[in-house]
C-alpha atoms as a PDB file:
ATOM      1  CA  UNK A   1     194.469  67.819 162.040  1.00  0.00           C
ATOM      2  CA  UNK A   2     190.744  68.633 162.258  1.00  0.00           C
ATOM      3  CA  UNK A   3     188.906  69.830 165.288  1.00  0.00           C
ATOM      4  CA  UNK A   4     185.879  68.015 166.711  1.00  0.00           C
ATOM      5  CA  UNK A   5     183.681  70.815 165.396  1.00  0.00           C
ATOM      6  CA  UNK A   6     185.028  70.414 161.850  1.00  0.00           C
ATOM      7  CA  UNK A   7     184.470  66.629 161.982  1.00  0.00           C
ATOM      8  CA  UNK A   8     180.920  67.222 163.188  1.00  0.00           C
ATOM      9  CA  UNK A   9     180.249  69.618 160.333  1.00  0.00           C
ATOM     10  CA  UNK A  10     181.539  67.082 157.794  1.00  0.00           C
ATOM     11  CA  UNK A  11     178.948  64.503 158.883  1.00  0.00           C
ATOM     12  CA  UNK A  12     175.808  64.087 156.853  1.00  0.00           C
ATOM     13  CA  UNK A  13     172.788  65.813 158.316  1.00  0.00           C
ATOM     14  CA  UNK A  14     169.988  63.323 158.858  1.00  0.00           C
ATOM     15  CA  UNK A  15     166.753  64.252 157.166  1.00  0.00           C
ATOM     16  CA  UNK A  16     163.243  62.896 157.307  1.00  0.00           C
ATOM     17  CA  UNK A  17     162.231  60.361 154.735  1.00  0.00           C
ATOM     18  CA  UNK A  18     160.165  61.840 151.934  1.00  0.00           C
ATOM     19  CA  UNK A  19     156.459  62.008 152.657  1.00  0.00           C
ATOM     20  CA  UNK A  20     154.160  59.577 150.948  1.00  0.00           C
ATOM     21  CA  UNK A  21     151.893  60.964 148.256  1.00  0.00           C
ATOM     22  CA  UNK A  22     148.344  61.623 149.443  1.00  0.00           C
ATOM     23  CA  UNK A  23     145.790  58.908 148.930  1.00  0.00           C
ATOM     24  CA  UNK A  24     144.292  59.133 145.512  1.00  0.00           C
ATOM     25  CA  UNK A  25     140.527  59.769 145.413  1.00  0.00           C
ATOM     26  CA  UNK A  26     138.269  56.758 144.990  1.00  0.00           C
ATOM     27  CA  UNK A  27     137.013  55.968 141.553  1.00  0.00           C
ATOM     28  CA  UNK A  28     133.229  55.798 141.077  1.00  0.00           C
ATOM     29  CA  UNK A  29     133.515  52.004 140.897  1.00  0.00           C
ATOM     30  CA  UNK A  30     135.411  51.840 144.202  1.00  0.00           C
ATOM     31  CA  UNK A  31     132.854  54.127 145.835  1.00  0.00           C
ATOM     32  CA  UNK A  32     129.962  51.989 144.580  1.00  0.00           C
ATOM     33  CA  UNK A  33     131.618  48.815 145.862  1.00  0.00           C
ATOM     34  CA  UNK A  34     132.241  50.426 149.259  1.00  0.00           C
ATOM     35  CA  UNK A  35     128.590  51.501 149.573  1.00  0.00           C
ATOM     36  CA  UNK A  36     127.418  48.035 148.525  1.00  0.00           C
ATOM     37  CA  UNK A  37     129.657  46.410 151.150  1.00  0.00           C
ATOM     38  CA  UNK A  38     128.349  48.741 153.873  1.00  0.00           C
ATOM     39  CA  UNK A  39     124.706  48.195 152.950  1.00  0.00           C
ATOM     40  CA  UNK A  40     125.219  44.430 152.871  1.00  0.00           C
ATOM     41  CA  UNK A  41     126.783  44.526 156.329  1.00  0.00           C
ATOM     42  CA  UNK A  42     123.893  46.603 157.713  1.00  0.00           C
ATOM     43  CA  UNK A  43     121.119  44.567 156.075  1.00  0.00           C
ATOM     44  CA  UNK A  44     118.949  43.049 158.789  1.00  0.00           C
ATOM     45  CA  UNK A  45     121.033  44.475 161.616  1.00  0.00           C
ATOM     46  CA  UNK A  46     119.249  45.904 164.654  1.00  0.00           C
ATOM     47  CA  UNK A  47     120.744  47.494 167.725  1.00  0.00           C
ATOM     48  CA  UNK A  48     119.738  45.278 170.638  1.00  0.00           C
ATOM     49  CA  UNK A  49     121.654  47.132 173.330  1.00  0.00           C
ATOM     50  CA  UNK A  50     119.884  48.275 176.479  1.00  0.00           C
ATOM     51  CA  UNK A  51     120.333  51.907 175.514  1.00  0.00           C
ATOM     52  CA  UNK A  52     118.669  51.403 172.134  1.00  0.00           C
ATOM     53  CA  UNK A  53     115.762  49.621 173.816  1.00  0.00           C
ATOM     54  CA  UNK A  54     115.345  52.497 176.289  1.00  0.00           C
ATOM     55  CA  UNK A  55     115.500  55.042 173.461  1.00  0.00           C
ATOM     56  CA  UNK A  56     112.825  53.206 171.473  1.00  0.00           C
ATOM     57  CA  UNK A  57     110.565  52.986 174.512  1.00  0.00           C
ATOM     58  CA  UNK A  58     111.064  56.648 175.358  1.00  0.00           C
ATOM     59  CA  UNK A  59     110.147  57.789 171.839  1.00  0.00           C
ATOM     60  CA  UNK A  60     107.025  55.676 171.445  1.00  0.00           C
ATOM     61  CA  UNK A  61     103.936  57.886 171.423  1.00  0.00           C
ATOM     62  CA  UNK A  62     101.903  56.830 174.469  1.00  0.00           C
ATOM     63  CA  UNK A  63      98.928  59.071 173.743  1.00  0.00           C
ATOM     64  CA  UNK A  64      98.028  57.276 170.505  1.00  0.00           C
ATOM     65  CA  UNK A  65      95.945  54.135 170.370  1.00  0.00           C
ATOM     66  CA  UNK A  66      94.799  51.872 167.573  1.00  0.00           C
ATOM     67  CA  UNK A  67      91.110  52.036 166.673  1.00  0.00           C
ATOM     68  CA  UNK A  68      89.721  49.277 164.482  1.00  0.00           C
ATOM     69  CA  UNK A  69      87.326  50.747 161.949  1.00  0.00           C
ATOM     70  CA  UNK A  70      85.508  47.458 161.401  1.00  0.00           C
ATOM     71  CA  UNK A  71      83.866  47.778 164.830  1.00  0.00           C
ATOM     72  CA  UNK A  72      80.493  49.561 164.704  1.00  0.00           C
ATOM     73  CA  UNK A  73      80.954  51.498 167.967  1.00  0.00           C
ATOM     74  CA  UNK A  74      84.459  52.793 167.152  1.00  0.00           C
ATOM     75  CA  UNK A  75      84.016  56.404 166.232  1.00  0.00           C
END
């Protein structure tokens, strides 16, 4: 007859599953395709949020003005 402790020790000890291998580095072709996809997605995109509008307005130089050189009195 076995004791409860002996039965417990005969049980298999659960272990973690083996870890997955780390992701392999991208090939140059995969990197080029990824960059092309990102650039295509960003082409023509503009941030129209209120914060972006405020930031653009805040960074506009207010002390500069356009002077047309074809006017005779503009000097």
